[in-house]
């Protein structure tokens, strides 16, 4: 994770990922990804409930990956390696559920 404006980088490793899908409107589908961390000490002190929001199109493309704390945007961004973990999970586990929910 990277705090906006900081050079301090912490690479998190996500485990036991699970997702929920929400058809937000006629353009976007939200995929909330929750996960466990092997060591909660890796998490920045000011984050209490980290999750990821993947904003997707109805065709299944990921448009944006946003870290959230307690379901709200936070002052952090995911590293490219963290985004890759989330993309891999999405492609293997969540994309087909999204396409089914979207009626495709």
N, C-alpha and C. Protein backbone atom coordinates (compact mmCIF):
# COMPACT_ATOMS: atom_id res chain seq x y z
N UNK A 1 0.84 -1.17 0.00
CA UNK A 1 0.00 0.00 0.00
C UNK A 1 0.89 1.23 0.00
N UNK A 2 0.37 2.26 -0.58
CA UNK A 2 1.08 3.52 -0.64
C UNK A 2 0.13 4.63 -0.18
N UNK A 3 0.55 5.39 0.81
CA UNK A 3 -0.23 6.56 1.22
C UNK A 3 -0.01 7.64 0.16
N UNK A 4 -1.07 8.35 -0.22
CA UNK A 4 -0.92 9.42 -1.19
C UNK A 4 0.13 10.41 -0.71
N UNK A 5 1.07 10.74 -1.60
CA UNK A 5 2.12 11.69 -1.29
C UNK A 5 3.30 11.11 -0.53
N UNK A 6 3.31 9.82 -0.27
CA UNK A 6 4.38 9.19 0.50
C UNK A 6 5.27 8.35 -0.41
N UNK A 7 6.48 8.10 0.05
CA UNK A 7 7.38 7.19 -0.66
C UNK A 7 7.49 5.85 0.06
N UNK A 8 6.85 5.74 1.23
CA UNK A 8 6.85 4.51 2.01
C UNK A 8 5.87 3.51 1.38
N UNK A 9 6.40 2.36 0.96
CA UNK A 9 5.59 1.35 0.30
C UNK A 9 5.57 0.09 1.15
N UNK A 10 4.37 -0.46 1.35
CA UNK A 10 4.21 -1.75 2.03
C UNK A 10 3.49 -2.67 1.07
N UNK A 11 4.11 -3.79 0.76
CA UNK A 11 3.48 -4.77 -0.14
C UNK A 11 2.67 -5.74 0.72
N UNK A 12 1.37 -5.76 0.51
CA UNK A 12 0.51 -6.67 1.23
C UNK A 12 0.28 -7.93 0.41
N UNK A 13 0.15 -9.04 1.11
CA UNK A 13 -0.19 -10.30 0.45
C UNK A 13 -1.58 -10.68 0.93
N UNK A 14 -2.51 -10.86 -0.01
CA UNK A 14 -3.90 -11.15 0.32
C UNK A 14 -4.14 -12.66 0.32
N UNK A 15 -4.91 -13.11 1.30
CA UNK A 15 -5.26 -14.53 1.41
C UNK A 15 -6.77 -14.65 1.59
N UNK A 16 -7.30 -15.82 1.27
CA UNK A 16 -8.72 -16.13 1.49
C UNK A 16 -9.63 -15.03 0.93
N UNK A 17 -9.40 -14.66 -0.31
CA UNK A 17 -10.21 -13.61 -0.93
C UNK A 17 -11.62 -14.11 -1.20
N UNK A 18 -12.58 -13.20 -1.02
CA UNK A 18 -13.98 -13.47 -1.29
C UNK A 18 -14.62 -12.18 -1.78
N UNK A 19 -15.69 -12.31 -2.54
CA UNK A 19 -16.25 -11.10 -3.15
C UNK A 19 -17.77 -11.08 -3.11
N UNK A 20 -18.29 -9.87 -3.21
CA UNK A 20 -19.72 -9.65 -3.41
C UNK A 20 -19.87 -8.73 -4.61
N UNK A 21 -20.96 -8.91 -5.32
CA UNK A 21 -21.19 -8.17 -6.56
C UNK A 21 -22.45 -7.33 -6.40
N UNK A 22 -22.34 -6.06 -6.79
CA UNK A 22 -23.47 -5.13 -6.70
C UNK A 22 -23.64 -4.42 -8.03
N UNK A 23 -24.81 -4.61 -8.66
CA UNK A 23 -25.12 -3.91 -9.91
C UNK A 23 -25.48 -2.47 -9.54
N UNK A 24 -24.49 -1.58 -9.59
CA UNK A 24 -24.67 -0.21 -9.12
C UNK A 24 -25.69 0.57 -9.96
N UNK A 25 -25.51 0.54 -11.25
CA UNK A 25 -26.42 1.23 -12.16
C UNK A 25 -26.33 0.55 -13.51
N UNK A 26 -26.78 1.20 -14.56
CA UNK A 26 -26.78 0.56 -15.88
C UNK A 26 -25.42 0.59 -16.57
N UNK A 27 -24.43 1.21 -15.92
CA UNK A 27 -23.10 1.29 -16.52
C UNK A 27 -22.05 0.52 -15.72
N UNK A 28 -22.14 0.56 -14.40
CA UNK A 28 -21.07 0.03 -13.55
C UNK A 28 -21.55 -1.09 -12.65
N UNK A 29 -20.65 -2.03 -12.42
CA UNK A 29 -20.86 -3.10 -11.45
C UNK A 29 -19.72 -3.02 -10.44
N UNK A 30 -20.07 -3.01 -9.16
CA UNK A 30 -19.08 -2.96 -8.09
C UNK A 30 -18.81 -4.37 -7.58
N UNK A 31 -17.55 -4.71 -7.47
CA UNK A 31 -17.14 -5.97 -6.87
C UNK A 31 -16.33 -5.62 -5.64
N UNK A 32 -16.87 -5.94 -4.48
CA UNK A 32 -16.13 -5.71 -3.24
C UNK A 32 -15.36 -6.99 -2.92
N UNK A 33 -14.06 -6.85 -2.74
CA UNK A 33 -13.21 -8.00 -2.42
C UNK A 33 -12.71 -7.83 -0.99
N UNK A 34 -12.99 -8.84 -0.18
CA UNK A 34 -12.49 -8.89 1.19
C UNK A 34 -11.43 -9.97 1.24
N UNK A 35 -10.53 -9.86 2.18
CA UNK A 35 -9.40 -10.78 2.24
C UNK A 35 -8.84 -10.78 3.65
N UNK A 36 -8.01 -11.77 3.90
CA UNK A 36 -7.24 -11.84 5.14
C UNK A 36 -5.80 -11.49 4.80
N UNK A 37 -5.08 -11.03 5.81
CA UNK A 37 -3.66 -10.76 5.67
C UNK A 37 -2.91 -11.72 6.57
N UNK A 38 -1.78 -12.28 6.10
CA UNK A 38 -1.03 -13.20 6.94
C UNK A 38 -0.52 -12.54 8.22
N UNK A 39 -0.30 -11.23 8.16
CA UNK A 39 0.21 -10.49 9.32
C UNK A 39 -0.50 -9.14 9.36
N UNK A 40 -1.43 -8.96 10.30
CA UNK A 40 -2.16 -7.69 10.38
C UNK A 40 -1.22 -6.53 10.67
N UNK A 41 -0.02 -6.81 11.16
CA UNK A 41 0.95 -5.77 11.43
C UNK A 41 1.42 -5.07 10.16
N UNK A 42 1.18 -5.70 9.00
CA UNK A 42 1.54 -5.09 7.73
C UNK A 42 0.63 -3.92 7.39
N UNK A 43 -0.56 -3.89 7.96
CA UNK A 43 -1.56 -2.88 7.65
C UNK A 43 -1.19 -1.55 8.28
N UNK A 44 -1.32 -0.44 7.55
CA UNK A 44 -1.07 0.86 8.16
C UNK A 44 -1.96 1.06 9.40
N UNK A 45 -1.42 1.73 10.40
CA UNK A 45 -2.11 1.88 11.68
C UNK A 45 -3.46 2.58 11.57
N UNK A 46 -3.60 3.48 10.61
CA UNK A 46 -4.85 4.23 10.52
C UNK A 46 -5.92 3.55 9.67
N UNK A 47 -5.70 2.30 9.29
CA UNK A 47 -6.72 1.53 8.56
C UNK A 47 -7.23 0.42 9.48
N UNK A 48 -8.56 0.33 9.61
CA UNK A 48 -9.11 -0.68 10.52
C UNK A 48 -9.78 -1.83 9.79
N UNK A 49 -10.37 -1.59 8.61
CA UNK A 49 -11.09 -2.65 7.90
C UNK A 49 -10.87 -2.50 6.40
N UNK A 50 -9.72 -2.96 5.93
CA UNK A 50 -9.34 -2.79 4.53
C UNK A 50 -10.07 -3.77 3.63
N UNK A 51 -10.56 -3.26 2.51
CA UNK A 51 -11.13 -4.09 1.45
C UNK A 51 -10.78 -3.42 0.12
N UNK A 52 -11.14 -4.07 -0.97
CA UNK A 52 -10.89 -3.50 -2.30
C UNK A 52 -12.20 -3.38 -3.04
N UNK A 53 -12.37 -2.29 -3.74
CA UNK A 53 -13.53 -2.09 -4.61
C UNK A 53 -13.03 -2.14 -6.05
N UNK A 54 -13.53 -3.10 -6.81
CA UNK A 54 -13.22 -3.20 -8.23
C UNK A 54 -14.43 -2.67 -8.97
N UNK A 55 -14.25 -1.60 -9.71
CA UNK A 55 -15.33 -1.01 -10.49
C UNK A 55 -15.22 -1.61 -11.89
N UNK A 56 -16.28 -2.27 -12.33
CA UNK A 56 -16.24 -3.03 -13.58
C UNK A 56 -17.36 -2.61 -14.52
N UNK A 57 -17.18 -2.94 -15.79
CA UNK A 57 -18.22 -2.74 -16.78
C UNK A 57 -19.09 -3.99 -16.85
N UNK A 58 -20.20 -3.88 -17.53
CA UNK A 58 -21.08 -5.03 -17.70
C UNK A 58 -20.45 -6.11 -18.57
N UNK A 59 -19.44 -5.78 -19.34
CA UNK A 59 -18.74 -6.79 -20.14
C UNK A 59 -17.65 -7.48 -19.34
N UNK A 60 -17.45 -7.05 -18.08
CA UNK A 60 -16.50 -7.72 -17.20
C UNK A 60 -15.13 -7.10 -17.09
N UNK A 61 -14.91 -5.97 -17.77
CA UNK A 61 -13.61 -5.30 -17.69
C UNK A 61 -13.49 -4.52 -16.38
N UNK A 62 -12.32 -4.58 -15.77
CA UNK A 62 -12.05 -3.78 -14.58
C UNK A 62 -11.65 -2.38 -15.04
N UNK A 63 -12.31 -1.37 -14.50
CA UNK A 63 -12.01 0.01 -14.84
C UNK A 63 -11.11 0.64 -13.79
N UNK A 64 -11.36 0.29 -12.52
CA UNK A 64 -10.60 0.90 -11.43
C UNK A 64 -10.55 -0.06 -10.24
N UNK A 65 -9.45 0.00 -9.50
CA UNK A 65 -9.29 -0.79 -8.27
C UNK A 65 -8.97 0.19 -7.16
N UNK A 66 -9.86 0.25 -6.16
CA UNK A 66 -9.78 1.27 -5.13
C UNK A 66 -9.72 0.62 -3.74
N UNK A 67 -8.73 0.98 -2.92
CA UNK A 67 -8.74 0.49 -1.54
C UNK A 67 -9.80 1.23 -0.73
N UNK A 68 -10.43 0.51 0.18
CA UNK A 68 -11.42 1.13 1.04
C UNK A 68 -11.19 0.71 2.49
N UNK A 69 -11.51 1.61 3.39
CA UNK A 69 -11.46 1.34 4.81
C UNK A 69 -12.87 1.52 5.36
N UNK A 70 -13.40 0.47 5.94
CA UNK A 70 -14.77 0.47 6.45
C UNK A 70 -15.77 0.85 5.36
N UNK A 71 -15.52 0.41 4.12
CA UNK A 71 -16.43 0.65 3.03
C UNK A 71 -16.37 2.03 2.40
N UNK A 72 -15.37 2.81 2.77
CA UNK A 72 -15.23 4.17 2.22
C UNK A 72 -13.83 4.35 1.64
N UNK A 73 -13.72 5.27 0.68
CA UNK A 73 -12.40 5.58 0.11
C UNK A 73 -11.45 6.00 1.22
N UNK A 74 -10.18 5.70 1.04
CA UNK A 74 -9.18 6.07 2.04
C UNK A 74 -8.01 6.75 1.36
N UNK A 75 -7.06 7.19 2.14
CA UNK A 75 -5.92 7.97 1.63
C UNK A 75 -4.76 7.09 1.17
N UNK A 76 -5.08 5.92 0.66
CA UNK A 76 -4.06 4.99 0.20
C UNK A 76 -4.38 4.54 -1.21
N UNK A 77 -3.39 3.96 -1.85
CA UNK A 77 -3.60 3.29 -3.13
C UNK A 77 -2.88 1.96 -3.08
N UNK A 78 -3.34 1.03 -3.87
CA UNK A 78 -2.68 -0.27 -3.94
C UNK A 78 -1.45 -0.18 -4.84
N UNK A 79 -0.44 -0.98 -4.52
CA UNK A 79 0.73 -1.09 -5.39
C UNK A 79 0.33 -1.91 -6.61
N UNK A 80 1.18 -1.90 -7.61
CA UNK A 80 0.89 -2.68 -8.82
C UNK A 80 0.84 -4.18 -8.49
N UNK A 81 1.71 -4.65 -7.61
CA UNK A 81 1.70 -6.07 -7.22
C UNK A 81 0.40 -6.43 -6.50
N UNK A 82 -0.10 -5.54 -5.66
CA UNK A 82 -1.37 -5.79 -4.97
C UNK A 82 -2.53 -5.80 -5.97
N UNK A 83 -2.51 -4.87 -6.92
CA UNK A 83 -3.54 -4.85 -7.96
C UNK A 83 -3.51 -6.13 -8.78
N UNK A 84 -2.31 -6.64 -9.05
CA UNK A 84 -2.19 -7.89 -9.80
C UNK A 84 -2.81 -9.06 -9.04
N UNK A 85 -2.62 -9.11 -7.73
CA UNK A 85 -3.26 -10.16 -6.92
C UNK A 85 -4.78 -10.07 -7.05
N UNK A 86 -5.30 -8.85 -6.97
CA UNK A 86 -6.75 -8.65 -7.05
C UNK A 86 -7.27 -8.97 -8.45
N UNK A 87 -6.54 -8.58 -9.48
CA UNK A 87 -6.94 -8.91 -10.86
C UNK A 87 -6.96 -10.41 -11.07
N UNK A 88 -5.92 -11.10 -10.59
CA UNK A 88 -5.85 -12.57 -10.74
C UNK A 88 -7.03 -13.24 -10.05
N UNK A 89 -7.33 -12.80 -8.83
CA UNK A 89 -8.48 -13.35 -8.12
C UNK A 89 -9.76 -13.10 -8.92
N UNK A 90 -9.94 -11.87 -9.37
CA UNK A 90 -11.14 -11.51 -10.13
C UNK A 90 -11.30 -12.41 -11.35
N UNK A 91 -10.24 -12.56 -12.13
CA UNK A 91 -10.31 -13.36 -13.35
C UNK A 91 -10.64 -14.83 -13.04
N UNK A 92 -10.08 -15.36 -11.97
CA UNK A 92 -10.28 -16.78 -11.63
C UNK A 92 -11.60 -17.04 -10.90
N UNK A 93 -12.02 -16.11 -10.04
CA UNK A 93 -13.13 -16.41 -9.14
C UNK A 93 -14.37 -15.55 -9.30
N UNK A 94 -14.24 -14.29 -9.63
CA UNK A 94 -15.38 -13.37 -9.56
C UNK A 94 -15.95 -12.98 -10.92
N UNK A 95 -15.16 -13.01 -11.96
CA UNK A 95 -15.63 -12.50 -13.25
C UNK A 95 -16.84 -13.26 -13.76
N UNK A 96 -16.82 -14.58 -13.65
CA UNK A 96 -17.95 -15.37 -14.13
C UNK A 96 -19.22 -15.06 -13.34
N UNK A 97 -19.09 -14.84 -12.03
CA UNK A 97 -20.25 -14.44 -11.22
C UNK A 97 -20.78 -13.09 -11.67
N UNK A 98 -19.87 -12.16 -11.97
CA UNK A 98 -20.28 -10.84 -12.44
C UNK A 98 -21.04 -10.96 -13.75
N UNK A 99 -20.51 -11.72 -14.69
CA UNK A 99 -21.17 -11.86 -15.99
C UNK A 99 -22.53 -12.53 -15.84
N UNK A 100 -22.66 -13.48 -14.95
CA UNK A 100 -23.96 -14.09 -14.69
C UNK A 100 -24.93 -13.09 -14.10
N UNK A 101 -24.46 -12.30 -13.14
CA UNK A 101 -25.31 -11.28 -12.51
C UNK A 101 -25.73 -10.22 -13.53
N UNK A 102 -24.86 -9.94 -14.49
CA UNK A 102 -25.15 -8.94 -15.51
C UNK A 102 -26.05 -9.49 -16.62
N UNK A 103 -26.31 -10.80 -16.58
CA UNK A 103 -27.17 -11.41 -17.58
C UNK A 103 -26.46 -11.71 -18.88
N UNK A 104 -25.14 -11.89 -18.78
CA UNK A 104 -24.35 -12.18 -20.00
C UNK A 104 -23.93 -13.64 -19.98
